[in-house]
Amino acid sequence: SIAPPTRVATLVFTTEGSSITDTEMAVWDADGNLLDEDDDSGYGALSRTTIEAVVPAVYYVGGSEYATAFGSNFEMSGEGLELGETGTITFVVNDEVIGTKLLGDQLSTGLPEYALFRVEIGGNSRILSVEDATSSSMSSALFFSTATTQLRLVEIGE
């Protein structure tokens, strides 16, 4: 089979629409390579980053509130949300909302402290599919690519 032609497209990722008013986010390629991260380049203290990306391809976008650190293999760490605190983080790609996730302090709320979404972008820069790749174990401890592995297993099994 012939692979679809690739091209470079501008992808703009933001956290506009989040109830968490001070966000940090990162974008990874499908292999877990950290492409970019941002703290306050969006509206107010929200996040925004622009990537010159090869499409069609799969990207991951993740984040939480302020003071989140990012690494390869979808790693996110930091202080997380305050005890008892909850809030939503919303991810937008090229002005299209791809997902919103309720986050919280995991010890008191049981909610994940970080969110991660898998986004498949077509050759025309349109979003083809989105999957919530957040793991329930995404707490203040480092998160590794277990969610990604599970996603791939599910996809293979379908």
C-alpha atoms as a PDB file:
ATOM      1  CA  SER A   1       0.000   0.000   0.000  1.00  0.00           C
ATOM      2  CA  ILE A   2       1.132   3.529  -0.691  1.00  0.00           C
ATOM      3  CA  ALA A   3       1.406   5.869   2.287  1.00  0.00           C
ATOM      4  CA  PRO A   4      -0.502   9.143   1.995  1.00  0.00           C
ATOM      5  CA  PRO A   5       1.676  12.117   1.054  1.00  0.00           C
ATOM      6  CA  THR A   6       2.916  14.197   3.950  1.00  0.00           C
ATOM      7  CA  ARG A   7       3.197  17.945   4.229  1.00  0.00           C
ATOM      8  CA  VAL A   8       4.095  20.490   6.861  1.00  0.00           C
ATOM      9  CA  ALA A   9       1.188  22.281   8.525  1.00  0.00           C
ATOM     10  CA  THR A  10       0.894  24.845  11.287  1.00  0.00           C
ATOM     11  CA  LEU A  11      -0.891  23.446  14.349  1.00  0.00           C
ATOM     12  CA  VAL A  12      -1.903  25.800  17.169  1.00  0.00           C
ATOM     13  CA  PHE A  13      -2.581  24.144  20.539  1.00  0.00           C
ATOM     14  CA  THR A  14      -4.227  26.112  23.385  1.00  0.00           C
ATOM     15  CA  THR A  15      -5.971  25.542  26.714  1.00  0.00           C
ATOM     16  CA  GLU A  16      -8.663  28.174  26.108  1.00  0.00           C
ATOM     17  CA  GLY A  17     -11.943  27.274  27.802  1.00  0.00           C
ATOM     18  CA  SER A  18     -10.271  25.685  30.841  1.00  0.00           C
ATOM     19  CA  SER A  19     -11.730  26.445  34.274  1.00  0.00           C
ATOM     20  CA  ILE A  20      -8.158  26.125  35.613  1.00  0.00           C
ATOM     21  CA  THR A  21      -7.029  29.694  34.956  1.00  0.00           C
ATOM     22  CA  ASP A  22      -3.252  29.097  35.008  1.00  0.00           C
ATOM     23  CA  THR A  23      -2.345  26.102  32.840  1.00  0.00           C
ATOM     24  CA  GLU A  24       0.778  24.457  31.472  1.00  0.00           C
ATOM     25  CA  MET A  25       0.701  22.093  28.512  1.00  0.00           C
ATOM     26  CA  ALA A  26       2.989  20.093  26.257  1.00  0.00           C
ATOM     27  CA  VAL A  27       2.825  18.444  22.837  1.00  0.00           C
ATOM     28  CA  TRP A  28       4.509  15.135  21.965  1.00  0.00           C
ATOM     29  CA  ASP A  29       4.788  13.149  18.761  1.00  0.00           C
ATOM     30  CA  ALA A  30       3.430   9.584  18.582  1.00  0.00           C
ATOM     31  CA  ASP A  31       6.746   8.186  19.861  1.00  0.00           C
ATOM     32  CA  GLY A  32       6.690  10.304  23.033  1.00  0.00           C
ATOM     33  CA  ASN A  33       9.263  12.877  21.904  1.00  0.00           C
ATOM     34  CA  LEU A  34       8.520  16.210  23.603  1.00  0.00           C
ATOM     35  CA  LEU A  35       8.023  18.753  20.807  1.00  0.00           C
ATOM     36  CA  ASP A  36       7.123  21.855  22.823  1.00  0.00           C
ATOM     37  CA  GLU A  37       5.696  23.035  26.120  1.00  0.00           C
ATOM     38  CA  ASP A  38       4.139  26.294  27.240  1.00  0.00           C
ATOM     39  CA  ASP A  39       3.080  28.105  30.367  1.00  0.00           C
ATOM     40  CA  ASP A  40       1.523  31.531  29.736  1.00  0.00           C
ATOM     41  CA  SER A  41       1.578  32.303  25.983  1.00  0.00           C
ATOM     42  CA  GLY A  42      -2.214  32.083  25.687  1.00  0.00           C
ATOM     43  CA  TYR A  43      -4.974  34.368  26.923  1.00  0.00           C
ATOM     44  CA  GLY A  44      -4.230  35.500  30.476  1.00  0.00           C
ATOM     45  CA  ALA A  45      -2.256  32.691  32.112  1.00  0.00           C
ATOM     46  CA  LEU A  46      -3.482  29.987  29.723  1.00  0.00           C
ATOM     47  CA  SER A  47      -1.173  28.006  27.443  1.00  0.00           C
ATOM     48  CA  ARG A  48      -0.608  28.304  23.693  1.00  0.00           C
ATOM     49  CA  THR A  49       2.003  26.810  21.378  1.00  0.00           C
ATOM     50  CA  THR A  50       2.408  26.674  17.613  1.00  0.00           C
ATOM     51  CA  ILE A  51       4.104  23.727  15.938  1.00  0.00           C
ATOM     52  CA  GLU A  52       5.152  23.251  12.334  1.00  0.00           C
ATOM     53  CA  ALA A  53       4.026  19.648  12.119  1.00  0.00           C
ATOM     54  CA  VAL A  54       4.190  16.890   9.550  1.00  0.00           C
ATOM     55  CA  VAL A  55       0.682  15.690   8.651  1.00  0.00           C
ATOM     56  CA  PRO A  56      -0.972  13.263   8.530  1.00  0.00           C
ATOM     57  CA  ALA A  57       0.297  12.139  11.927  1.00  0.00           C
ATOM     58  CA  VAL A  58      -0.601  11.453  15.556  1.00  0.00           C
ATOM     59  CA  TYR A  59       0.227  13.931  18.315  1.00  0.00           C
ATOM     60  CA  TYR A  60      -0.406  13.953  22.042  1.00  0.00           C
ATOM     61  CA  VAL A  61      -1.289  17.044  24.072  1.00  0.00           C
ATOM     62  CA  GLY A  62      -1.292  17.034  27.853  1.00  0.00           C
ATOM     63  CA  GLY A  63      -1.065  19.250  30.847  1.00  0.00           C
ATOM     64  CA  SER A  64      -2.377  20.501  34.146  1.00  0.00           C
ATOM     65  CA  GLU A  65      -2.196  23.652  36.161  1.00  0.00           C
ATOM     66  CA  TYR A  66       0.834  25.896  36.713  1.00  0.00           C
ATOM     67  CA  ALA A  67       4.116  24.315  37.904  1.00  0.00           C
ATOM     68  CA  THR A  68       3.902  21.195  35.734  1.00  0.00           C
ATOM     69  CA  ALA A  69       7.151  19.832  34.307  1.00  0.00           C
ATOM     70  CA  PHE A  70       7.259  17.731  31.141  1.00  0.00           C
ATOM     71  CA  GLY A  71       9.624  15.129  29.729  1.00  0.00           C
ATOM     72  CA  SER A  72       9.832  12.520  27.012  1.00  0.00           C
ATOM     73  CA  ASN A  73       7.499   9.504  26.999  1.00  0.00           C
ATOM     74  CA  PHE A  74       4.551  11.699  28.089  1.00  0.00           C
ATOM     75  CA  GLU A  75       6.052  12.410  31.510  1.00  0.00           C
ATOM     76  CA  MET A  76       4.271  15.045  33.604  1.00  0.00           C
ATOM     77  CA  SER A  77       5.162  15.956  37.159  1.00  0.00           C
ATOM     78  CA  GLY A  78       4.762  18.827  39.562  1.00  0.00           C
ATOM     79  CA  GLU A  79       2.827  20.085  42.522  1.00  0.00           C
ATOM     80  CA  GLY A  80      -0.546  19.171  41.038  1.00  0.00           C
ATOM     81  CA  LEU A  81      -3.759  20.698  42.290  1.00  0.00           C
ATOM     82  CA  GLU A  82      -4.178  21.856  45.880  1.00  0.00           C
ATOM     83  CA  LEU A  83      -5.811  19.565  48.450  1.00  0.00           C
ATOM     84  CA  GLY A  84      -9.518  19.294  47.645  1.00  0.00           C
ATOM     85  CA  GLU A  85      -9.217  21.402  44.478  1.00  0.00           C
ATOM     86  CA  THR A  86     -10.822  20.397  41.167  1.00  0.00           C
ATOM     87  CA  GLY A  87     -10.988  22.085  37.777  1.00  0.00           C
ATOM     88  CA  THR A  88     -11.202  21.362  34.069  1.00  0.00           C
ATOM     89  CA  ILE A  89      -8.507  21.628  31.442  1.00  0.00           C
ATOM     90  CA  THR A  90      -9.608  22.018  27.836  1.00  0.00           C
ATOM     91  CA  PHE A  91      -7.360  21.395  24.831  1.00  0.00           C
ATOM     92  CA  VAL A  92      -7.959  23.141  21.501  1.00  0.00           C
ATOM     93  CA  VAL A  93      -6.214  22.462  18.169  1.00  0.00           C
ATOM     94  CA  ASN A  94      -6.579  25.051  15.385  1.00  0.00           C
ATOM     95  CA  ASP A  95      -9.653  26.544  17.116  1.00  0.00           C
ATOM     96  CA  GLU A  96     -11.370  23.150  17.468  1.00  0.00           C
ATOM     97  CA  VAL A  97     -11.975  21.815  20.986  1.00  0.00           C
ATOM     98  CA  ILE A  98     -10.622  18.283  21.169  1.00  0.00           C
ATOM     99  CA  GLY A  99     -11.425  17.508  24.797  1.00  0.00           C
ATOM    100  CA  THR A 100     -12.027  18.642  28.352  1.00  0.00           C
ATOM    101  CA  LYS A 101     -10.923  16.691  31.418  1.00  0.00           C
ATOM    102  CA  LEU A 102     -11.872  17.157  35.072  1.00  0.00           C
ATOM    103  CA  LEU A 103      -8.720  17.175  37.192  1.00  0.00           C
ATOM    104  CA  GLY A 104      -8.281  17.252  40.935  1.00  0.00           C
ATOM    105  CA  ASP A 105      -6.002  16.626  43.853  1.00  0.00           C
ATOM    106  CA  GLN A 106      -5.789  12.839  43.601  1.00  0.00           C
ATOM    107  CA  LEU A 107      -5.419  12.183  47.330  1.00  0.00           C
ATOM    108  CA  SER A 108      -8.645  13.965  48.285  1.00  0.00           C
ATOM    109  CA  THR A 109     -10.723  13.706  45.094  1.00  0.00           C
ATOM    110  CA  GLY A 110      -9.492  10.528  43.395  1.00  0.00           C
ATOM    111  CA  LEU A 111      -9.298  12.425  40.103  1.00  0.00           C
ATOM    112  CA  PRO A 112      -6.207  12.437  37.858  1.00  0.00           C
ATOM    113  CA  GLU A 113      -3.943  15.482  38.271  1.00  0.00           C
ATOM    114  CA  TYR A 114      -2.815  15.534  34.628  1.00  0.00           C
ATOM    115  CA  ALA A 115      -4.683  15.069  31.343  1.00  0.00           C
ATOM    116  CA  LEU A 116      -3.435  13.547  28.089  1.00  0.00           C
ATOM    117  CA  PHE A 117      -5.223  13.356  24.717  1.00  0.00           C
ATOM    118  CA  ARG A 118      -4.214  11.553  21.524  1.00  0.00           C
ATOM    119  CA  VAL A 119      -5.038  13.511  18.354  1.00  0.00           C
ATOM    120  CA  GLU A 120      -4.868  12.156  14.828  1.00  0.00           C
ATOM    121  CA  ILE A 121      -4.406  14.961  12.298  1.00  0.00           C
ATOM    122  CA  GLY A 122      -5.172  14.391   8.613  1.00  0.00           C
ATOM    123  CA  GLY A 123      -3.197  15.646   5.635  1.00  0.00           C
ATOM    124  CA  ASN A 124      -5.581  18.596   5.318  1.00  0.00           C
ATOM    125  CA  SER A 125      -4.817  19.593   8.973  1.00  0.00           C
ATOM    126  CA  ARG A 126      -8.291  18.478  10.048  1.00  0.00           C
ATOM    127  CA  ILE A 127      -8.755  16.413  13.196  1.00  0.00           C
ATOM    128  CA  LEU A 128      -9.554  12.817  12.250  1.00  0.00           C
ATOM    129  CA  SER A 129      -9.885  11.302  15.717  1.00  0.00           C
ATOM    130  CA  VAL A 130      -9.341  12.106  19.383  1.00  0.00           C
ATOM    131  CA  GLU A 131      -8.884   9.706  22.280  1.00  0.00           C
ATOM    132  CA  ASP A 132      -8.644  10.452  25.978  1.00  0.00           C
ATOM    133  CA  ALA A 133      -5.307   8.880  26.930  1.00  0.00           C
ATOM    134  CA  THR A 134      -5.461  10.012  30.560  1.00  0.00           C
ATOM    135  CA  SER A 135      -4.598   7.281  33.022  1.00  0.00           C
ATOM    136  CA  SER A 136      -6.317   7.137  36.408  1.00  0.00           C
ATOM    137  CA  SER A 137      -2.826   6.723  37.877  1.00  0.00           C
ATOM    138  CA  MET A 138      -1.704  10.132  36.590  1.00  0.00           C
ATOM    139  CA  SER A 139      -0.912  11.691  39.944  1.00  0.00           C
ATOM    140  CA  SER A 140       1.966  13.776  41.223  1.00  0.00           C
ATOM    141  CA  ALA A 141       4.251  10.811  40.595  1.00  0.00           C
ATOM    142  CA  LEU A 142       5.786  10.666  37.119  1.00  0.00           C
ATOM    143  CA  PHE A 143       3.469   9.280  34.463  1.00  0.00           C
ATOM    144  CA  PHE A 144       4.992   7.029  31.838  1.00  0.00           C
ATOM    145  CA  SER A 145       3.476   5.858  28.569  1.00  0.00           C
ATOM    146  CA  THR A 146       1.313   3.051  29.998  1.00  0.00           C
ATOM    147  CA  ALA A 147      -1.823   4.769  28.697  1.00  0.00           C
ATOM    148  CA  THR A 148      -0.315   4.914  25.224  1.00  0.00           C
ATOM    149  CA  THR A 149       0.550   1.224  25.292  1.00  0.00           C
ATOM    150  CA  GLN A 150      -2.990   0.367  26.398  1.00  0.00           C
ATOM    151  CA  LEU A 151      -4.419   2.540  23.620  1.00  0.00           C
ATOM    152  CA  ARG A 152      -2.323   0.775  20.999  1.00  0.00           C
ATOM    153  CA  LEU A 153      -3.400  -2.625  22.318  1.00  0.00           C
ATOM    154  CA  VAL A 154      -7.055  -1.591  22.152  1.00  0.00           C
ATOM    155  CA  GLU A 155      -6.622  -0.327  18.598  1.00  0.00           C
ATOM    156  CA  ILE A 156      -4.928  -3.541  17.495  1.00  0.00           C
ATOM    157  CA  GLY A 157      -7.694  -5.616  19.071  1.00  0.00           C
ATOM    158  CA  GLU A 158     -10.518  -3.800  17.296  1.00  0.00           C
END
